Amino acid sequence: MADVTIRNLSKEAHRALKVRAAQHNRSAEAEMRAILEAAVRPEGRPRLGTALSEMSRKIGLTNADVEALEHGRAARAAEPMRFE
C-alpha cells in the first residue's frame, strides 16, 4: 500500500475530521482512507467488464461465438498491412 502525507491541513479541518471519525467509530486515519476511497471509487462508477458483459448479452453473443472468433484467429497468420 502507498503512504500519503497531507500537509498544511487547517486545525478546523483536522478537528472536523476527528469528530467525523468518532461518529463512525474509526480512527482519523481510517476515516481519511474511507473518504478518499469514496471520492475516487464511487459505488455507481461504470466498470468496463460489467459494461462489456451487458453489451454482449444484449446483442446475443454466446460463448460459442467467442470460441469461434478465437479459433479463426489462431487458424491463420496475420497479413501485413500494405501502403501501396
C-alpha atoms as a PDB file:
ATOM      1  CA  MET A   1       0.000   0.000   0.000  1.00  0.00           C
ATOM      2  CA  ALA A   2       1.072   3.555  -0.639  1.00  0.00           C
ATOM      3  CA  ASP A   3       1.605   6.151   2.070  1.00  0.00           C
ATOM      4  CA  VAL A   4       0.146   9.634   1.761  1.00  0.00           C
ATOM      5  CA  THR A   5       1.126  12.730   3.720  1.00  0.00           C
ATOM      6  CA  ILE A   6      -1.246  15.679   3.930  1.00  0.00           C
ATOM      7  CA  ARG A   7       0.485  18.947   4.736  1.00  0.00           C
ATOM      8  CA  ASN A   8      -0.989  22.277   5.794  1.00  0.00           C
ATOM      9  CA  LEU A   9      -4.353  20.881   6.879  1.00  0.00           C
ATOM     10  CA  SER A  10      -6.135  23.547   8.882  1.00  0.00           C
ATOM     11  CA  LYS A  11      -6.826  22.948  12.563  1.00  0.00           C
ATOM     12  CA  GLU A  12     -10.532  23.263  11.854  1.00  0.00           C
ATOM     13  CA  ALA A  13     -10.433  20.595   9.159  1.00  0.00           C
ATOM     14  CA  HIS A  14      -8.383  18.289  11.391  1.00  0.00           C
ATOM     15  CA  ARG A  15     -10.828  18.793  14.254  1.00  0.00           C
ATOM     16  CA  ALA A  16     -13.806  18.128  11.953  1.00  0.00           C
ATOM     17  CA  LEU A  17     -12.091  15.005  10.669  1.00  0.00           C
ATOM     18  CA  LYS A  18     -11.622  13.705  14.208  1.00  0.00           C
ATOM     19  CA  VAL A  19     -15.289  14.396  15.017  1.00  0.00           C
ATOM     20  CA  ARG A  20     -16.410  12.623  11.857  1.00  0.00           C
ATOM     21  CA  ALA A  21     -14.130   9.671  12.631  1.00  0.00           C
ATOM     22  CA  ALA A  22     -15.564   9.416  16.149  1.00  0.00           C
ATOM     23  CA  GLN A  23     -19.113   9.422  14.708  1.00  0.00           C
ATOM     24  CA  HIS A  24     -18.156   6.431  12.537  1.00  0.00           C
ATOM     25  CA  ASN A  25     -16.213   4.690  15.348  1.00  0.00           C
ATOM     26  CA  ARG A  26     -12.964   4.901  13.389  1.00  0.00           C
ATOM     27  CA  SER A  27      -9.560   6.430  13.794  1.00  0.00           C
ATOM     28  CA  ALA A  28      -8.809   9.661  11.950  1.00  0.00           C
ATOM     29  CA  GLU A  29      -6.535   7.686   9.615  1.00  0.00           C
ATOM     30  CA  ALA A  30      -9.258   5.134   8.857  1.00  0.00           C
ATOM     31  CA  GLU A  31     -11.719   7.965   8.252  1.00  0.00           C
ATOM     32  CA  MET A  32      -9.345   9.606   5.770  1.00  0.00           C
ATOM     33  CA  ARG A  33      -8.989   6.291   3.930  1.00  0.00           C
ATOM     34  CA  ALA A  34     -12.770   5.921   3.761  1.00  0.00           C
ATOM     35  CA  ILE A  35     -13.208   9.483   2.478  1.00  0.00           C
ATOM     36  CA  LEU A  36     -10.549   9.044  -0.209  1.00  0.00           C
ATOM     37  CA  GLU A  37     -11.891   5.635  -1.307  1.00  0.00           C
ATOM     38  CA  ALA A  38     -15.427   7.041  -1.627  1.00  0.00           C
ATOM     39  CA  ALA A  39     -14.156  10.045  -3.582  1.00  0.00           C
ATOM     40  CA  VAL A  40     -12.065   8.180  -6.137  1.00  0.00           C
ATOM     41  CA  ARG A  41     -14.010   4.904  -6.325  1.00  0.00           C
ATOM     42  CA  PRO A  42     -17.717   5.757  -6.022  1.00  0.00           C
ATOM     43  CA  GLU A  43     -20.265   2.952  -5.758  1.00  0.00           C
ATOM     44  CA  GLY A  44     -22.078   3.680  -9.025  1.00  0.00           C
ATOM     45  CA  ARG A  45     -18.993   4.010 -11.205  1.00  0.00           C
ATOM     46  CA  PRO A  46     -19.096   2.185 -14.531  1.00  0.00           C
ATOM     47  CA  ARG A  47     -16.993  -0.946 -14.701  1.00  0.00           C
ATOM     48  CA  LEU A  48     -15.568  -1.975 -18.060  1.00  0.00           C
ATOM     49  CA  GLY A  49     -16.008  -5.738 -17.623  1.00  0.00           C
ATOM     50  CA  THR A  50     -19.599  -5.382 -16.487  1.00  0.00           C
ATOM     51  CA  ALA A  51     -20.396  -2.989 -19.341  1.00  0.00           C
ATOM     52  CA  LEU A  52     -18.900  -5.341 -21.951  1.00  0.00           C
ATOM     53  CA  SER A  53     -20.738  -8.318 -20.489  1.00  0.00           C
ATOM     54  CA  GLU A  54     -24.072  -6.466 -20.593  1.00  0.00           C
ATOM     55  CA  MET A  55     -23.460  -5.308 -24.180  1.00  0.00           C
ATOM     56  CA  SER A  56     -22.644  -8.818 -25.370  1.00  0.00           C
ATOM     57  CA  ARG A  57     -25.726 -10.199 -23.623  1.00  0.00           C
ATOM     58  CA  LYS A  58     -27.930  -7.567 -25.313  1.00  0.00           C
ATOM     59  CA  ILE A  59     -26.710  -8.471 -28.805  1.00  0.00           C
ATOM     60  CA  GLY A  60     -26.949 -12.197 -28.094  1.00  0.00           C
ATOM     61  CA  LEU A  61     -23.230 -13.036 -28.121  1.00  0.00           C
ATOM     62  CA  THR A  62     -22.598 -16.520 -26.730  1.00  0.00           C
ATOM     63  CA  ASN A  63     -19.538 -18.426 -25.563  1.00  0.00           C
ATOM     64  CA  ALA A  64     -19.689 -20.382 -28.836  1.00  0.00           C
ATOM     65  CA  ASP A  65     -19.364 -17.100 -30.762  1.00  0.00           C
ATOM     66  CA  VAL A  66     -16.296 -16.098 -28.760  1.00  0.00           C
ATOM     67  CA  GLU A  67     -14.741 -19.544 -29.230  1.00  0.00           C
ATOM     68  CA  ALA A  68     -15.334 -19.325 -32.997  1.00  0.00           C
ATOM     69  CA  LEU A  69     -13.606 -15.938 -33.106  1.00  0.00           C
ATOM     70  CA  GLU A  70     -10.639 -17.278 -31.144  1.00  0.00           C
ATOM     71  CA  HIS A  71     -10.419 -20.371 -33.348  1.00  0.00           C
ATOM     72  CA  GLY A  72     -10.472 -18.292 -36.541  1.00  0.00           C
ATOM     73  CA  ARG A  73      -7.745 -16.026 -35.221  1.00  0.00           C
ATOM     74  CA  ALA A  74      -5.457 -18.933 -34.303  1.00  0.00           C
ATOM     75  CA  ALA A  75      -6.009 -20.777 -37.608  1.00  0.00           C
ATOM     76  CA  ARG A  76      -4.391 -18.231 -39.910  1.00  0.00           C
ATOM     77  CA  ALA A  77      -1.456 -15.887 -39.646  1.00  0.00           C
ATOM     78  CA  ALA A  78      -1.996 -12.146 -39.717  1.00  0.00           C
ATOM     79  CA  GLU A  79      -1.467 -10.412 -43.046  1.00  0.00           C
ATOM     80  CA  PRO A  80       0.923  -7.455 -43.011  1.00  0.00           C
ATOM     81  CA  MET A  81      -0.509  -4.071 -43.985  1.00  0.00           C
ATOM     82  CA  ARG A  82       0.359  -2.695 -47.405  1.00  0.00           C
ATOM     83  CA  PHE A  83       0.604   1.015 -48.057  1.00  0.00           C
ATOM     84  CA  GLU A  84       0.776   0.939 -51.855  1.00  0.00           C
END
